[in-house]
């Protein structure tokens, strides 16, 4: 490593330590908003399926498939 990179490394580590809690709160808030919007869309989806004549169990199953992709934590696990 160069001398300037060695001097900047503690500053970078300090900056990251200060930013991690903020990033966690932001991610948590966004994940909560994303999940609530997905559930609202799922309710609308199920209602529309029922209005089109699907029985309740099939509409529920399709809604579960629809909501399966809206879990941000599952998405993060898939990106590992």
PDB file of N, CA and C in Angstrom:
ATOM      1  N   UNK A   1       0.823  -1.187   0.000  1.00  0.00           N
ATOM      2  CA  UNK A   1       0.000   0.000   0.000  1.00  0.00           C
ATOM      3  C   UNK A   1       0.862   1.244   0.000  1.00  0.00           C
ATOM      4  N   UNK A   2       0.326   2.272  -0.587  1.00  0.00           N
ATOM      5  CA  UNK A   2       1.058   3.534  -0.566  1.00  0.00           C
ATOM      6  C   UNK A   2       0.820   4.241   0.757  1.00  0.00           C
ATOM      7  N   UNK A   3       1.642   5.243   0.999  1.00  0.00           N
ATOM      8  CA  UNK A   3       1.562   5.964   2.274  1.00  0.00           C
ATOM      9  C   UNK A   3       0.233   6.709   2.425  1.00  0.00           C
ATOM     10  N   UNK A   4      -0.274   7.294   1.342  1.00  0.00           N
ATOM     11  CA  UNK A   4      -1.549   8.031   1.433  1.00  0.00           C
ATOM     12  C   UNK A   4      -2.713   7.066   1.648  1.00  0.00           C
ATOM     13  N   UNK A   5      -2.649   5.892   1.052  1.00  0.00           N
ATOM     14  CA  UNK A   5      -3.712   4.904   1.256  1.00  0.00           C
ATOM     15  C   UNK A   5      -3.712   4.415   2.691  1.00  0.00           C
ATOM     16  N   UNK A   6      -2.526   4.265   3.288  1.00  0.00           N
ATOM     17  CA  UNK A   6      -2.449   3.838   4.686  1.00  0.00           C
ATOM     18  C   UNK A   6      -2.995   4.909   5.618  1.00  0.00           C
ATOM     19  N   UNK A   7      -2.800   6.177   5.280  1.00  0.00           N
ATOM     20  CA  UNK A   7      -3.331   7.256   6.107  1.00  0.00           C
ATOM     21  C   UNK A   7      -4.839   7.384   5.953  1.00  0.00           C
ATOM     22  N   UNK A   8      -5.363   7.099   4.778  1.00  0.00           N
ATOM     23  CA  UNK A   8      -6.792   7.243   4.531  1.00  0.00           C
ATOM     24  C   UNK A   8      -7.600   6.045   5.021  1.00  0.00           C
ATOM     25  N   UNK A   9      -6.953   4.917   5.244  1.00  0.00           N
ATOM     26  CA  UNK A   9      -7.669   3.721   5.670  1.00  0.00           C
ATOM     27  C   UNK A   9      -8.381   3.908   7.013  1.00  0.00           C
ATOM     28  N   UNK A  10      -7.753   4.452   8.039  1.00  0.00           N
ATOM     29  CA  UNK A  10      -8.493   4.667   9.297  1.00  0.00           C
ATOM     30  C   UNK A  10      -9.677   5.627   9.121  1.00  0.00           C
ATOM     31  N   UNK A  11      -9.522   6.635   8.275  1.00  0.00           N
ATOM     32  CA  UNK A  11     -10.628   7.553   8.028  1.00  0.00           C
ATOM     33  C   UNK A  11     -11.785   6.823   7.355  1.00  0.00           C
ATOM     34  N   UNK A  12     -11.458   5.958   6.412  1.00  0.00           N
ATOM     35  CA  UNK A  12     -12.483   5.193   5.716  1.00  0.00           C
ATOM     36  C   UNK A  12     -13.196   4.239   6.669  1.00  0.00           C
ATOM     37  N   UNK A  13     -12.449   3.555   7.502  1.00  0.00           N
ATOM     38  CA  UNK A  13     -13.045   2.628   8.466  1.00  0.00           C
ATOM     39  C   UNK A  13     -13.925   3.393   9.450  1.00  0.00           C
ATOM     40  N   UNK A  14     -13.463   4.506   9.927  1.00  0.00           N
ATOM     41  CA  UNK A  14     -14.264   5.338  10.838  1.00  0.00           C
ATOM     42  C   UNK A  14     -15.540   5.812  10.181  1.00  0.00           C
ATOM     43  N   UNK A  15     -15.443   6.235   8.946  1.00  0.00           N
ATOM     44  CA  UNK A  15     -16.625   6.686   8.207  1.00  0.00           C
ATOM     45  C   UNK A  15     -17.636   5.554   8.054  1.00  0.00           C
ATOM     46  N   UNK A  16     -17.153   4.355   7.712  1.00  0.00           N
ATOM     47  CA  UNK A  16     -18.050   3.205   7.548  1.00  0.00           C
ATOM     48  C   UNK A  16     -18.722   2.827   8.862  1.00  0.00           C
ATOM     49  N   UNK A  17     -17.970   2.882   9.969  1.00  0.00           N
ATOM     50  CA  UNK A  17     -18.546   2.566  11.276  1.00  0.00           C
ATOM     51  C   UNK A  17     -19.662   3.547  11.616  1.00  0.00           C
ATOM     52  N   UNK A  18     -19.491   4.806  11.265  1.00  0.00           N
ATOM     53  CA  UNK A  18     -20.527   5.803  11.536  1.00  0.00           C
ATOM     54  C   UNK A  18     -21.737   5.642  10.615  1.00  0.00           C
ATOM     55  N   UNK A  19     -21.534   5.161   9.411  1.00  0.00           N
ATOM     56  CA  UNK A  19     -22.620   5.065   8.439  1.00  0.00           C
ATOM     57  C   UNK A  19     -23.450   3.790   8.564  1.00  0.00           C
ATOM     58  N   UNK A  20     -22.906   2.731   9.141  1.00  0.00           N
ATOM     59  CA  UNK A  20     -23.616   1.447   9.194  1.00  0.00           C
ATOM     60  C   UNK A  20     -24.966   1.554   9.911  1.00  0.00           C
ATOM     61  N   UNK A  21     -25.066   2.161  11.092  1.00  0.00           N
ATOM     62  CA  UNK A  21     -26.389   2.246  11.731  1.00  0.00           C
ATOM     63  C   UNK A  21     -27.402   3.021  10.879  1.00  0.00           C
ATOM     64  N   UNK A  22     -26.955   4.071  10.259  1.00  0.00           N
ATOM     65  CA  UNK A  22     -27.843   4.854   9.403  1.00  0.00           C
ATOM     66  C   UNK A  22     -28.338   4.021   8.227  1.00  0.00           C
ATOM     67  N   UNK A  23     -27.441   3.279   7.618  1.00  0.00           N
ATOM     68  CA  UNK A  23     -27.830   2.434   6.490  1.00  0.00           C
ATOM     69  C   UNK A  23     -28.788   1.333   6.921  1.00  0.00           C
ATOM     70  N   UNK A  24     -28.568   0.779   8.103  1.00  0.00           N
ATOM     71  CA  UNK A  24     -29.471  -0.262   8.607  1.00  0.00           C
ATOM     72  C   UNK A  24     -30.870   0.296   8.843  1.00  0.00           C
ATOM     73  N   UNK A  25     -30.968   1.481   9.427  1.00  0.00           N
ATOM     74  CA  UNK A  25     -32.281   2.091   9.644  1.00  0.00           C
ATOM     75  C   UNK A  25     -32.964   2.399   8.319  1.00  0.00           C
ATOM     76  N   UNK A  26     -32.208   2.908   7.372  1.00  0.00           N
ATOM     77  CA  UNK A  26     -32.786   3.203   6.061  1.00  0.00           C
ATOM     78  C   UNK A  26     -33.286   1.932   5.386  1.00  0.00           C
ATOM     79  N   UNK A  27     -32.476   0.890   5.412  1.00  0.00           N
ATOM     80  CA  UNK A  27     -32.881  -0.359   4.796  1.00  0.00           C
ATOM     81  C   UNK A  27     -34.115  -0.933   5.483  1.00  0.00           C
ATOM     82  N   UNK A  28     -34.144  -0.870   6.799  1.00  0.00           N
ATOM     83  CA  UNK A  28     -35.295  -1.377   7.540  1.00  0.00           C
ATOM     84  C   UNK A  28     -36.563  -0.627   7.183  1.00  0.00           C
ATOM     85  N   UNK A  29     -36.472   0.691   7.098  1.00  0.00           N
ATOM     86  CA  UNK A  29     -37.638   1.487   6.728  1.00  0.00           C
ATOM     87  C   UNK A  29     -38.106   1.201   5.322  1.00  0.00           C
ATOM     88  N   UNK A  30     -37.171   1.116   4.412  1.00  0.00           N
ATOM     89  CA  UNK A  30     -37.535   0.821   3.018  1.00  0.00           C
ATOM     90  C   UNK A  30     -38.101  -0.589   2.875  1.00  0.00           C
ATOM     91  N   UNK A  31     -37.541  -1.537   3.608  1.00  0.00           N
ATOM     92  CA  UNK A  31     -38.049  -2.908   3.553  1.00  0.00           C
ATOM     93  C   UNK A  31     -39.473  -2.963   4.091  1.00  0.00           C
ATOM     94  N   UNK A  32     -39.741  -2.228   5.171  1.00  0.00           N
ATOM     95  CA  UNK A  32     -41.089  -2.191   5.732  1.00  0.00           C
ATOM     96  C   UNK A  32     -42.077  -1.570   4.746  1.00  0.00           C
ATOM     97  N   UNK A  33     -41.700  -0.461   4.111  1.00  0.00           N
ATOM     98  CA  UNK A  33     -42.577   0.184   3.120  1.00  0.00           C
ATOM     99  C   UNK A  33     -42.812  -0.722   1.916  1.00  0.00           C
ATOM    100  N   UNK A  34     -41.761  -1.361   1.452  1.00  0.00           N
ATOM    101  CA  UNK A  34     -41.866  -2.270   0.313  1.00  0.00           C
ATOM    102  C   UNK A  34     -42.818  -3.419   0.633  1.00  0.00           C
ATOM    103  N   UNK A  35     -42.675  -3.991   1.823  1.00  0.00           N
ATOM    104  CA  UNK A  35     -43.511  -5.115   2.227  1.00  0.00           C
ATOM    105  C   UNK A  35     -44.968  -4.685   2.381  1.00  0.00           C
ATOM    106  N   UNK A  36     -45.215  -3.519   2.943  1.00  0.00           N
ATOM    107  CA  UNK A  36     -46.595  -3.076   3.116  1.00  0.00           C
ATOM    108  C   UNK A  36     -47.253  -2.780   1.764  1.00  0.00           C
ATOM    109  N   UNK A  37     -46.505  -2.209   0.838  1.00  0.00           N
ATOM    110  CA  UNK A  37     -47.055  -1.971  -0.505  1.00  0.00           C
ATOM    111  C   UNK A  37     -47.341  -3.286  -1.217  1.00  0.00           C
ATOM    112  N   UNK A  38     -46.484  -4.275  -1.007  1.00  0.00           N
ATOM    113  CA  UNK A  38     -46.689  -5.581  -1.632  1.00  0.00           C
ATOM    114  C   UNK A  38     -47.944  -6.251  -1.076  1.00  0.00           C
ATOM    115  N   UNK A  39     -48.156  -6.136   0.235  1.00  0.00           N
ATOM    116  CA  UNK A  39     -49.358  -6.734   0.814  1.00  0.00           C
ATOM    117  C   UNK A  39     -50.623  -6.037   0.332  1.00  0.00           C
ATOM    118  N   UNK A  40     -50.549  -4.744   0.185  1.00  0.00           N
ATOM    119  CA  UNK A  40     -51.701  -4.006  -0.349  1.00  0.00           C
ATOM    120  C   UNK A  40     -51.987  -4.466  -1.783  1.00  0.00           C
ATOM    121  N   UNK A  41     -50.939  -4.609  -2.576  1.00  0.00           N
ATOM    122  CA  UNK A  41     -51.115  -5.091  -3.950  1.00  0.00           C
ATOM    123  C   UNK A  41     -51.636  -6.526  -3.956  1.00  0.00           C
ATOM    124  N   UNK A  42     -51.217  -7.335  -2.995  1.00  0.00           N
ATOM    125  CA  UNK A  42     -51.699  -8.709  -2.891  1.00  0.00           C
ATOM    126  C   UNK A  42     -53.187  -8.767  -2.580  1.00  0.00           C
ATOM    127  N   UNK A  43     -53.650  -7.878  -1.705  1.00  0.00           N
ATOM    128  CA  UNK A  43     -55.085  -7.833  -1.407  1.00  0.00           C
ATOM    129  C   UNK A  43     -55.887  -7.444  -2.638  1.00  0.00           C
ATOM    130  N   UNK A  44     -55.384  -6.477  -3.377  1.00  0.00           N
ATOM    131  CA  UNK A  44     -56.057  -6.056  -4.605  1.00  0.00           C
ATOM    132  C   UNK A  44     -56.048  -7.201  -5.619  1.00  0.00           C
ATOM    133  N   UNK A  45     -54.927  -7.879  -5.737  1.00  0.00           N
ATOM    134  CA  UNK A  45     -54.796  -8.997  -6.668  1.00  0.00           C
ATOM    135  C   UNK A  45     -55.806 -10.104  -6.327  1.00  0.00           C
ATOM    136  N   UNK A  46     -55.889 -10.461  -5.036  1.00  0.00           N
ATOM    137  CA  UNK A  46     -56.820 -11.507  -4.619  1.00  0.00           C
ATOM    138  C   UNK A  46     -58.268 -11.086  -4.878  1.00  0.00           C
ATOM    139  N   UNK A  47     -58.590  -9.841  -4.572  1.00  0.00           N
ATOM    140  CA  UNK A  47     -59.949  -9.351  -4.807  1.00  0.00           C
ATOM    141  C   UNK A  47     -60.312  -9.413  -6.285  1.00  0.00           C
ATOM    142  N   UNK A  48     -59.377  -9.029  -7.135  1.00  0.00           N
ATOM    143  CA  UNK A  48     -59.638  -9.066  -8.582  1.00  0.00           C
ATOM    144  C   UNK A  48     -59.793 -10.501  -9.089  1.00  0.00           C
ATOM    145  N   UNK A  49     -58.997 -11.414  -8.552  1.00  0.00           N
ATOM    146  CA  UNK A  49     -59.141 -12.812  -8.945  1.00  0.00           C
ATOM    147  C   UNK A  49     -60.512 -13.360  -8.557  1.00  0.00           C
ATOM    148  N   UNK A  50     -60.965 -13.005  -7.360  1.00  0.00           N
ATOM    149  CA  UNK A  50     -62.287 -13.451  -6.927  1.00  0.00           C
ATOM    150  C   UNK A  50     -63.391 -12.845  -7.784  1.00  0.00           C
ATOM    151  N   UNK A  51     -63.218 -11.579  -8.156  1.00  0.00           N
ATOM    152  CA  UNK A  51     -64.224 -10.932  -9.003  1.00  0.00           C
ATOM    153  C   UNK A  51     -64.283 -11.566 -10.385  1.00  0.00           C
ATOM    154  N   UNK A  52     -63.176 -12.131 -10.838  1.00  0.00           N
ATOM    155  CA  UNK A  52     -63.146 -12.785 -12.149  1.00  0.00           C
ATOM    156  C   UNK A  52     -63.693 -14.209 -12.099  1.00  0.00           C
ATOM    157  N   UNK A  53     -64.034 -14.688 -10.904  1.00  0.00           N
ATOM    158  CA  UNK A  53     -64.691 -15.974 -10.792  1.00  0.00           C
ATOM    159  C   UNK A  53     -63.844 -17.107 -10.252  1.00  0.00           C
ATOM    160  N   UNK A  54     -62.625 -16.840  -9.795  1.00  0.00           N
ATOM    161  CA  UNK A  54     -61.795 -17.895  -9.214  1.00  0.00           C
ATOM    162  C   UNK A  54     -62.293 -18.208  -7.808  1.00  0.00           C
ATOM    163  N   UNK A  55     -62.175 -19.476  -7.409  1.00  0.00           N
ATOM    164  CA  UNK A  55     -62.575 -19.825  -6.051  1.00  0.00           C
ATOM    165  C   UNK A  55     -61.540 -19.299  -5.061  1.00  0.00           C
ATOM    166  N   UNK A  56     -61.914 -19.275  -3.794  1.00  0.00           N
ATOM    167  CA  UNK A  56     -61.092 -18.644  -2.760  1.00  0.00           C
ATOM    168  C   UNK A  56     -59.745 -19.327  -2.582  1.00  0.00           C
ATOM    169  N   UNK A  57     -59.717 -20.658  -2.584  1.00  0.00           N
ATOM    170  CA  UNK A  57     -58.442 -21.360  -2.344  1.00  0.00           C
ATOM    171  C   UNK A  57     -57.456 -21.129  -3.480  1.00  0.00           C
ATOM    172  N   UNK A  58     -57.933 -21.139  -4.710  1.00  0.00           N
ATOM    173  CA  UNK A  58     -57.038 -20.886  -5.850  1.00  0.00           C
ATOM    174  C   UNK A  58     -56.550 -19.450  -5.839  1.00  0.00           C
ATOM    175  N   UNK A  59     -57.449 -18.517  -5.524  1.00  0.00           N
ATOM    176  CA  UNK A  59     -57.049 -17.110  -5.451  1.00  0.00           C
ATOM    177  C   UNK A  59     -56.017 -16.901  -4.353  1.00  0.00           C
ATOM    178  N   UNK A  60     -56.202 -17.581  -3.228  1.00  0.00           N
ATOM    179  CA  UNK A  60     -55.232 -17.466  -2.129  1.00  0.00           C
ATOM    180  C   UNK A  60     -53.877 -18.026  -2.548  1.00  0.00           C
ATOM    181  N   UNK A  61     -53.878 -19.165  -3.223  1.00  0.00           N
ATOM    182  CA  UNK A  61     -52.623 -19.780  -3.673  1.00  0.00           C
ATOM    183  C   UNK A  61     -51.897 -18.876  -4.670  1.00  0.00           C
ATOM    184  N   UNK A  62     -52.639 -18.328  -5.633  1.00  0.00           N
ATOM    185  CA  UNK A  62     -52.023 -17.416  -6.612  1.00  0.00           C
ATOM    186  C   UNK A  62     -51.479 -16.161  -5.936  1.00  0.00           C
ATOM    187  N   UNK A  63     -52.196 -15.678  -4.937  1.00  0.00           N
ATOM    188  CA  UNK A  63     -51.728 -14.491  -4.217  1.00  0.00           C
ATOM    189  C   UNK A  63     -50.443 -14.794  -3.459  1.00  0.00           C
ATOM    190  N   UNK A  64     -50.333 -15.977  -2.872  1.00  0.00           N
ATOM    191  CA  UNK A  64     -49.098 -16.364  -2.191  1.00  0.00           C
ATOM    192  C   UNK A  64     -47.928 -16.422  -3.168  1.00  0.00           C
ATOM    193  N   UNK A  65     -48.173 -16.965  -4.363  1.00  0.00           N
ATOM    194  CA  UNK A  65     -47.118 -16.981  -5.382  1.00  0.00           C
ATOM    195  C   UNK A  65     -46.740 -15.563  -5.789  1.00  0.00           C
ATOM    196  N   UNK A  66     -47.738 -14.709  -5.886  1.00  0.00           N
ATOM    197  CA  UNK A  66     -47.522 -13.312  -6.274  1.00  0.00           C
ATOM    198  C   UNK A  66     -46.666 -12.594  -5.233  1.00  0.00           C
ATOM    199  N   UNK A  67     -46.941 -12.844  -3.949  1.00  0.00           N
ATOM    200  CA  UNK A  67     -46.228 -12.161  -2.872  1.00  0.00           C
ATOM    201  C   UNK A  67     -44.877 -12.793  -2.546  1.00  0.00           C
ATOM    202  N   UNK A  68     -44.616 -13.979  -3.056  1.00  0.00           N
ATOM    203  CA  UNK A  68     -43.371 -14.678  -2.753  1.00  0.00           C
ATOM    204  C   UNK A  68     -42.134 -13.863  -3.148  1.00  0.00           C
ATOM    205  N   UNK A  69     -42.219 -13.168  -4.231  1.00  0.00           N
ATOM    206  CA  UNK A  69     -41.070 -12.401  -4.709  1.00  0.00           C
ATOM    207  C   UNK A  69     -40.915 -11.040  -4.081  1.00  0.00           C
ATOM    208  N   UNK A  70     -41.784 -10.692  -3.126  1.00  0.00           N
ATOM    209  CA  UNK A  70     -41.722  -9.358  -2.558  1.00  0.00           C
ATOM    210  C   UNK A  70     -41.069  -9.307  -1.180  1.00  0.00           C
ATOM    211  N   UNK A  71     -40.414 -10.360  -0.767  1.00  0.00           N
ATOM    212  CA  UNK A  71     -39.723 -10.354   0.509  1.00  0.00           C
ATOM    213  C   UNK A  71     -38.291  -9.865   0.290  1.00  0.00           C
ATOM    214  N   UNK A  72     -37.957  -8.671   0.798  1.00  0.00           N
ATOM    215  CA  UNK A  72     -36.616  -8.134   0.528  1.00  0.00           C
ATOM    216  C   UNK A  72     -35.491  -8.975   1.129  1.00  0.00           C
ATOM    217  N   UNK A  73     -35.753  -9.674   2.221  1.00  0.00           N
ATOM    218  CA  UNK A  73     -34.711 -10.486   2.834  1.00  0.00           C
ATOM    219  C   UNK A  73     -34.439 -11.738   2.004  1.00  0.00           C
ATOM    220  N   UNK A  74     -35.483 -12.311   1.408  1.00  0.00           N
ATOM    221  CA  UNK A  74     -35.271 -13.436   0.500  1.00  0.00           C
ATOM    222  C   UNK A  74     -34.518 -12.979  -0.742  1.00  0.00           C
ATOM    223  N   UNK A  75     -34.818 -11.770  -1.198  1.00  0.00           N
ATOM    224  CA  UNK A  75     -34.101 -11.239  -2.355  1.00  0.00           C
ATOM    225  C   UNK A  75     -32.621 -11.055  -2.048  1.00  0.00           C
ATOM    226  N   UNK A  76     -32.316 -10.565  -0.848  1.00  0.00           N
ATOM    227  CA  UNK A  76     -30.911 -10.389  -0.466  1.00  0.00           C
ATOM    228  C   UNK A  76     -30.202 -11.739  -0.347  1.00  0.00           C
ATOM    229  N   UNK A  77     -30.909 -12.759   0.199  1.00  0.00           N
ATOM    230  CA  UNK A  77     -30.308 -14.087   0.292  1.00  0.00           C
ATOM    231  C   UNK A  77     -30.022 -14.653  -1.099  1.00  0.00           C
ATOM    232  N   UNK A  78     -30.890 -14.364  -2.039  1.00  0.00           N
ATOM    233  CA  UNK A  78     -30.697 -14.864  -3.405  1.00  0.00           C
ATOM    234  C   UNK A  78     -29.508 -14.183  -4.082  1.00  0.00           C
ATOM    235  N   UNK A  79     -29.201 -12.953  -3.674  1.00  0.00           N
ATOM    236  CA  UNK A  79     -28.096 -12.214  -4.293  1.00  0.00           C
ATOM    237  C   UNK A  79     -26.734 -12.594  -3.721  1.00  0.00           C
ATOM    238  N   UNK A  80     -26.703 -13.362  -2.651  1.00  0.00           N
ATOM    239  CA  UNK A  80     -25.416 -13.748  -2.059  1.00  0.00           C
ATOM    240  C   UNK A  80     -24.586 -14.548  -2.991  1.00  0.00           C
TER     241      UNK A  80
END
